Amino acid sequence: MTTSLVSSASAGPAVMIRGQLWYAVPYVGYVTNVVNGANRDWIIPVLTVALFGYAGFIAARGALDP
């Protein structure tokens, strides 16, 4: 990585570049490879219905608990 300090022609020192990992989602690349093109047309609606169904089930079960 090349940086410059205050519009000068010299590159900034690498010590001034610092980053921090906030979160990581392992294996998400595999999911995006599967959910592509023609598969996306049916996978997204199925997952949406499944998640809303699960949320409804959890809400109904919570309402029935004393």
PDB file of N, CA and C in Angstrom:
ATOM      1  N   MET A   1       0.844  -1.168   0.000  1.00  0.00           N
ATOM      2  CA  MET A   1       0.000   0.000   0.000  1.00  0.00           C
ATOM      3  C   MET A   1       0.888   1.230   0.000  1.00  0.00           C
ATOM      4  N   THR A   2       0.571   2.166  -0.837  1.00  0.00           N
ATOM      5  CA  THR A   2       1.322   3.411  -0.908  1.00  0.00           C
ATOM      6  C   THR A   2       0.424   4.551  -0.463  1.00  0.00           C
ATOM      7  N   THR A   3       0.915   5.318   0.470  1.00  0.00           N
ATOM      8  CA  THR A   3       0.168   6.483   0.928  1.00  0.00           C
ATOM      9  C   THR A   3       1.043   7.715   0.794  1.00  0.00           C
ATOM     10  N   SER A   4       0.448   8.855   0.821  1.00  0.00           N
ATOM     11  CA  SER A   4       1.231  10.093   0.804  1.00  0.00           C
ATOM     12  C   SER A   4       0.753  10.976   1.942  1.00  0.00           C
ATOM     13  N   LEU A   5       1.663  11.755   2.476  1.00  0.00           N
ATOM     14  CA  LEU A   5       1.361  12.621   3.606  1.00  0.00           C
ATOM     15  C   LEU A   5       1.100  14.037   3.121  1.00  0.00           C
ATOM     16  N   VAL A   6      -0.036  14.561   3.371  1.00  0.00           N
ATOM     17  CA  VAL A   6      -0.419  15.945   3.093  1.00  0.00           C
ATOM     18  C   VAL A   6       0.038  16.380   1.713  1.00  0.00           C
ATOM     19  N   SER A   7      -0.398  15.673   0.720  1.00  0.00           N
ATOM     20  CA  SER A   7      -0.150  16.013  -0.679  1.00  0.00           C
ATOM     21  C   SER A   7       1.322  16.104  -1.042  1.00  0.00           C
ATOM     22  N   SER A   8       2.192  15.493  -0.283  1.00  0.00           N
ATOM     23  CA  SER A   8       3.606  15.489  -0.663  1.00  0.00           C
ATOM     24  C   SER A   8       3.865  14.284  -1.561  1.00  0.00           C
ATOM     25  N   ALA A   9       4.949  14.306  -2.264  1.00  0.00           N
ATOM     26  CA  ALA A   9       5.270  13.245  -3.214  1.00  0.00           C
ATOM     27  C   ALA A   9       5.797  11.992  -2.525  1.00  0.00           C
ATOM     28  N   SER A  10       6.243  12.107  -1.279  1.00  0.00           N
ATOM     29  CA  SER A  10       6.820  10.943  -0.609  1.00  0.00           C
ATOM     30  C   SER A  10       5.717  10.035  -0.070  1.00  0.00           C
ATOM     31  N   ALA A  11       6.010   8.759  -0.064  1.00  0.00           N
ATOM     32  CA  ALA A  11       5.050   7.778   0.450  1.00  0.00           C
ATOM     33  C   ALA A  11       5.059   7.799   1.968  1.00  0.00           C
ATOM     34  N   GLY A  12       3.921   7.588   2.570  1.00  0.00           N
ATOM     35  CA  GLY A  12       3.827   7.563   4.024  1.00  0.00           C
ATOM     36  C   GLY A  12       4.389   6.271   4.583  1.00  0.00           C
ATOM     37  N   PRO A  13       4.849   6.305   5.812  1.00  0.00           N
ATOM     38  CA  PRO A  13       5.398   5.087   6.419  1.00  0.00           C
ATOM     39  C   PRO A  13       4.295   4.060   6.686  1.00  0.00           C
ATOM     40  N   ALA A  14       4.640   2.793   6.561  1.00  0.00           N
ATOM     41  CA  ALA A  14       3.672   1.715   6.747  1.00  0.00           C
ATOM     42  C   ALA A  14       3.173   1.637   8.186  1.00  0.00           C
ATOM     43  N   VAL A  15       3.946   2.165   9.130  1.00  0.00           N
ATOM     44  CA  VAL A  15       3.564   2.143  10.534  1.00  0.00           C
ATOM     45  C   VAL A  15       2.274   2.938  10.768  1.00  0.00           C
ATOM     46  N   MET A  16       1.972   3.899   9.934  1.00  0.00           N
ATOM     47  CA  MET A  16       0.799   4.743  10.125  1.00  0.00           C
ATOM     48  C   MET A  16      -0.491   4.059   9.670  1.00  0.00           C
ATOM     49  N   ILE A  17      -0.382   2.947   8.980  1.00  0.00           N
ATOM     50  CA  ILE A  17      -1.560   2.226   8.504  1.00  0.00           C
ATOM     51  C   ILE A  17      -1.916   1.167   9.536  1.00  0.00           C
ATOM     52  N   ARG A  18      -3.131   1.263  10.059  1.00  0.00           N
ATOM     53  CA  ARG A  18      -3.543   0.315  11.079  1.00  0.00           C
ATOM     54  C   ARG A  18      -4.994  -0.085  10.830  1.00  0.00           C
ATOM     55  N   GLY A  19      -5.259  -1.352  10.919  1.00  0.00           N
ATOM     56  CA  GLY A  19      -6.622  -1.837  10.727  1.00  0.00           C
ATOM     57  C   GLY A  19      -7.009  -2.776  11.851  1.00  0.00           C
ATOM     58  N   GLN A  20      -8.305  -3.012  11.951  1.00  0.00           N
ATOM     59  CA  GLN A  20      -8.809  -3.894  12.989  1.00  0.00           C
ATOM     60  C   GLN A  20      -9.972  -4.703  12.420  1.00  0.00           C
ATOM     61  N   LEU A  21      -9.962  -5.997  12.664  1.00  0.00           N
ATOM     62  CA  LEU A  21     -11.036  -6.880  12.215  1.00  0.00           C
ATOM     63  C   LEU A  21     -12.199  -6.768  13.186  1.00  0.00           C
ATOM     64  N   TRP A  22     -13.365  -6.371  12.681  1.00  0.00           N
ATOM     65  CA  TRP A  22     -14.542  -6.222  13.534  1.00  0.00           C
ATOM     66  C   TRP A  22     -15.300  -7.526  13.656  1.00  0.00           C
ATOM     67  N   TYR A  23     -15.495  -8.210  12.556  1.00  0.00           N
ATOM     68  CA  TYR A  23     -16.214  -9.474  12.587  1.00  0.00           C
ATOM     69  C   TYR A  23     -15.815 -10.289  11.371  1.00  0.00           C
ATOM     70  N   ALA A  24     -16.063 -11.573  11.442  1.00  0.00           N
ATOM     71  CA  ALA A  24     -15.774 -12.465  10.326  1.00  0.00           C
ATOM     72  C   ALA A  24     -16.919 -13.459  10.203  1.00  0.00           C
ATOM     73  N   VAL A  25     -17.276 -13.766   8.984  1.00  0.00           N
ATOM     74  CA  VAL A  25     -18.325 -14.750   8.732  1.00  0.00           C
ATOM     75  C   VAL A  25     -17.690 -15.866   7.908  1.00  0.00           C
ATOM     76  N   PRO A  26     -17.218 -16.918   8.589  1.00  0.00           N
ATOM     77  CA  PRO A  26     -16.561 -17.986   7.850  1.00  0.00           C
ATOM     78  C   PRO A  26     -17.531 -18.740   6.950  1.00  0.00           C
ATOM     79  N   TYR A  27     -17.026 -19.217   5.858  1.00  0.00           N
ATOM     80  CA  TYR A  27     -17.747 -20.044   4.885  1.00  0.00           C
ATOM     81  C   TYR A  27     -18.843 -19.303   4.126  1.00  0.00           C
ATOM     82  N   VAL A  28     -18.929 -17.982   4.248  1.00  0.00           N
ATOM     83  CA  VAL A  28     -19.969 -17.258   3.516  1.00  0.00           C
ATOM     84  C   VAL A  28     -19.705 -17.318   2.011  1.00  0.00           C
ATOM     85  N   GLY A  29     -18.476 -17.486   1.613  1.00  0.00           N
ATOM     86  CA  GLY A  29     -18.151 -17.612   0.195  1.00  0.00           C
ATOM     87  C   GLY A  29     -18.771 -18.847  -0.429  1.00  0.00           C
ATOM     88  N   TYR A  30     -18.836 -19.924   0.330  1.00  0.00           N
ATOM     89  CA  TYR A  30     -19.462 -21.142  -0.180  1.00  0.00           C
ATOM     90  C   TYR A  30     -20.955 -20.926  -0.421  1.00  0.00           C
ATOM     91  N   VAL A  31     -21.593 -20.191   0.472  1.00  0.00           N
ATOM     92  CA  VAL A  31     -23.026 -19.919   0.321  1.00  0.00           C
ATOM     93  C   VAL A  31     -23.273 -19.066  -0.912  1.00  0.00           C
ATOM     94  N   THR A  32     -22.465 -18.048  -1.128  1.00  0.00           N
ATOM     95  CA  THR A  32     -22.661 -17.189  -2.298  1.00  0.00           C
ATOM     96  C   THR A  32     -22.395 -17.935  -3.593  1.00  0.00           C
ATOM     97  N   ASN A  33     -21.534 -18.932  -3.567  1.00  0.00           N
ATOM     98  CA  ASN A  33     -21.316 -19.736  -4.770  1.00  0.00           C
ATOM     99  C   ASN A  33     -22.529 -20.604  -5.095  1.00  0.00           C
ATOM    100  N   VAL A  34     -23.232 -21.073  -4.082  1.00  0.00           N
ATOM    101  CA  VAL A  34     -24.410 -21.911  -4.303  1.00  0.00           C
ATOM    102  C   VAL A  34     -25.619 -21.064  -4.689  1.00  0.00           C
ATOM    103  N   VAL A  35     -25.780 -19.930  -4.004  1.00  0.00           N
ATOM    104  CA  VAL A  35     -26.940 -19.058  -4.245  1.00  0.00           C
ATOM    105  C   VAL A  35     -26.571 -18.061  -5.342  1.00  0.00           C
ATOM    106  N   ASN A  36     -26.622 -18.510  -6.578  1.00  0.00           N
ATOM    107  CA  ASN A  36     -26.296 -17.628  -7.699  1.00  0.00           C
ATOM    108  C   ASN A  36     -27.246 -17.902  -8.858  1.00  0.00           C
ATOM    109  N   GLY A  37     -27.365 -16.947  -9.730  1.00  0.00           N
ATOM    110  CA  GLY A  37     -28.119 -17.107 -10.965  1.00  0.00           C
ATOM    111  C   GLY A  37     -29.480 -17.744 -10.815  1.00  0.00           C
ATOM    112  N   ALA A  38     -29.657 -18.901 -11.438  1.00  0.00           N
ATOM    113  CA  ALA A  38     -30.950 -19.585 -11.461  1.00  0.00           C
ATOM    114  C   ALA A  38     -31.350 -20.083 -10.074  1.00  0.00           C
ATOM    115  N   ASN A  39     -30.383 -20.470  -9.264  1.00  0.00           N
ATOM    116  CA  ASN A  39     -30.703 -20.945  -7.916  1.00  0.00           C
ATOM    117  C   ASN A  39     -31.303 -19.844  -7.053  1.00  0.00           C
ATOM    118  N   ARG A  40     -30.866 -18.622  -7.268  1.00  0.00           N
ATOM    119  CA  ARG A  40     -31.332 -17.505  -6.453  1.00  0.00           C
ATOM    120  C   ARG A  40     -32.835 -17.282  -6.619  1.00  0.00           C
ATOM    121  N   ASP A  41     -33.373 -17.602  -7.792  1.00  0.00           N
ATOM    122  CA  ASP A  41     -34.793 -17.382  -8.064  1.00  0.00           C
ATOM    123  C   ASP A  41     -35.703 -18.180  -7.140  1.00  0.00           C
ATOM    124  N   TRP A  42     -35.260 -19.327  -6.671  1.00  0.00           N
ATOM    125  CA  TRP A  42     -36.117 -20.117  -5.793  1.00  0.00           C
ATOM    126  C   TRP A  42     -35.587 -20.213  -4.367  1.00  0.00           C
ATOM    127  N   ILE A  43     -34.277 -20.069  -4.161  1.00  0.00           N
ATOM    128  CA  ILE A  43     -33.720 -20.203  -2.809  1.00  0.00           C
ATOM    129  C   ILE A  43     -34.130 -19.035  -1.915  1.00  0.00           C
ATOM    130  N   ILE A  44     -34.075 -17.819  -2.421  1.00  0.00           N
ATOM    131  CA  ILE A  44     -34.396 -16.648  -1.604  1.00  0.00           C
ATOM    132  C   ILE A  44     -35.852 -16.679  -1.124  1.00  0.00           C
ATOM    133  N   PRO A  45     -36.841 -16.929  -2.000  1.00  0.00           N
ATOM    134  CA  PRO A  45     -38.221 -17.011  -1.484  1.00  0.00           C
ATOM    135  C   PRO A  45     -38.429 -18.150  -0.482  1.00  0.00           C
ATOM    136  N   VAL A  46     -37.798 -19.291  -0.714  1.00  0.00           N
ATOM    137  CA  VAL A  46     -37.947 -20.420   0.212  1.00  0.00           C
ATOM    138  C   VAL A  46     -37.365 -20.062   1.576  1.00  0.00           C
ATOM    139  N   LEU A  47     -36.183 -19.451   1.593  1.00  0.00           N
ATOM    140  CA  LEU A  47     -35.577 -19.045   2.865  1.00  0.00           C
ATOM    141  C   LEU A  47     -36.403 -17.974   3.563  1.00  0.00           C
ATOM    142  N   THR A  48     -36.969 -17.061   2.793  1.00  0.00           N
ATOM    143  CA  THR A  48     -37.798 -16.005   3.377  1.00  0.00           C
ATOM    144  C   THR A  48     -39.030 -16.595   4.054  1.00  0.00           C
ATOM    145  N   VAL A  49     -39.723 -17.479   3.370  1.00  0.00           N
ATOM    146  CA  VAL A  49     -40.912 -18.119   3.951  1.00  0.00           C
ATOM    147  C   VAL A  49     -40.521 -18.945   5.176  1.00  0.00           C
ATOM    148  N   ALA A  50     -39.405 -19.656   5.096  1.00  0.00           N
ATOM    149  CA  ALA A  50     -38.963 -20.477   6.222  1.00  0.00           C
ATOM    150  C   ALA A  50     -38.641 -19.613   7.441  1.00  0.00           C
ATOM    151  N   LEU A  51     -37.947 -18.497   7.241  1.00  0.00           N
ATOM    152  CA  LEU A  51     -37.594 -17.636   8.373  1.00  0.00           C
ATOM    153  C   LEU A  51     -38.823 -16.969   8.983  1.00  0.00           C
ATOM    154  N   PHE A  52     -39.750 -16.503   8.140  1.00  0.00           N
ATOM    155  CA  PHE A  52     -40.979 -15.914   8.677  1.00  0.00           C
ATOM    156  C   PHE A  52     -41.830 -16.979   9.379  1.00  0.00           C
ATOM    157  N   GLY A  53     -41.856 -18.177   8.847  1.00  0.00           N
ATOM    158  CA  GLY A  53     -42.573 -19.265   9.498  1.00  0.00           C
ATOM    159  C   GLY A  53     -41.980 -19.601  10.852  1.00  0.00           C
ATOM    160  N   TYR A  54     -40.662 -19.634  10.925  1.00  0.00           N
ATOM    161  CA  TYR A  54     -39.983 -19.902  12.192  1.00  0.00           C
ATOM    162  C   TYR A  54     -40.266 -18.787  13.196  1.00  0.00           C
ATOM    163  N   ALA A  55     -40.227 -17.538  12.731  1.00  0.00           N
ATOM    164  CA  ALA A  55     -40.521 -16.409  13.620  1.00  0.00           C
ATOM    165  C   ALA A  55     -41.951 -16.489  14.139  1.00  0.00           C
ATOM    166  N   GLY A  56     -42.896 -16.857  13.273  1.00  0.00           N
ATOM    167  CA  GLY A  56     -44.280 -17.018  13.706  1.00  0.00           C
ATOM    168  C   GLY A  56     -44.438 -18.137  14.710  1.00  0.00           C
ATOM    169  N   PHE A  57     -43.734 -19.231  14.483  1.00  0.00           N
ATOM    170  CA  PHE A  57     -43.776 -20.362  15.408  1.00  0.00           C
ATOM    171  C   PHE A  57     -43.245 -19.962  16.780  1.00  0.00           C
ATOM    172  N   ILE A  58     -42.123 -19.266  16.806  1.00  0.00           N
ATOM    173  CA  ILE A  58     -41.527 -18.833  18.072  1.00  0.00           C
ATOM    174  C   ILE A  58     -42.452 -17.849  18.786  1.00  0.00           C
ATOM    175  N   ALA A  59     -43.060 -16.921  18.035  1.00  0.00           N
ATOM    176  CA  ALA A  59     -43.977 -15.949  18.638  1.00  0.00           C
ATOM    177  C   ALA A  59     -45.208 -16.646  19.204  1.00  0.00           C
ATOM    178  N   ALA A  60     -45.764 -17.606  18.470  1.00  0.00           N
ATOM    179  CA  ALA A  60     -46.945 -18.326  18.941  1.00  0.00           C
ATOM    180  C   ALA A  60     -46.614 -19.179  20.159  1.00  0.00           C
ATOM    181  N   ARG A  61     -45.463 -19.802  20.138  1.00  0.00           N
ATOM    182  CA  ARG A  61     -45.060 -20.626  21.275  1.00  0.00           C
ATOM    183  C   ARG A  61     -44.843 -19.763  22.512  1.00  0.00           C
ATOM    184  N   GLY A  62     -44.274 -18.573  22.306  1.00  0.00           N
ATOM    185  CA  GLY A  62     -44.065 -17.657  23.428  1.00  0.00           C
ATOM    186  C   GLY A  62     -45.373 -17.136  23.991  1.00  0.00           C
ATOM    187  N   ALA A  63     -46.373 -16.958  23.135  1.00  0.00           N
ATOM    188  CA  ALA A  63     -47.676 -16.477  23.594  1.00  0.00           C
ATOM    189  C   ALA A  63     -48.407 -17.548  24.393  1.00  0.00           C
ATOM    190  N   LEU A  64     -48.131 -18.811  24.121  1.00  0.00           N
ATOM    191  CA  LEU A  64     -48.811 -19.899  24.817  1.00  0.00           C
ATOM    192  C   LEU A  64     -48.171 -20.241  26.154  1.00  0.00           C
ATOM    193  N   ASP A  65     -46.905 -19.866  26.340  1.00  0.00           N
ATOM    194  CA  ASP A  65     -46.226 -20.147  27.607  1.00  0.00           C
ATOM    195  C   ASP A  65     -46.814 -19.274  28.711  1.00  0.00           C
ATOM    196  N   PRO A  66     -47.007 -19.860  29.890  1.00  0.00           N
ATOM    197  CA  PRO A  66     -47.583 -19.068  30.997  1.00  0.00           C
ATOM    198  C   PRO A  66     -46.607 -18.062  31.547  1.00  0.00           C
TER     199      PRO A  66
END
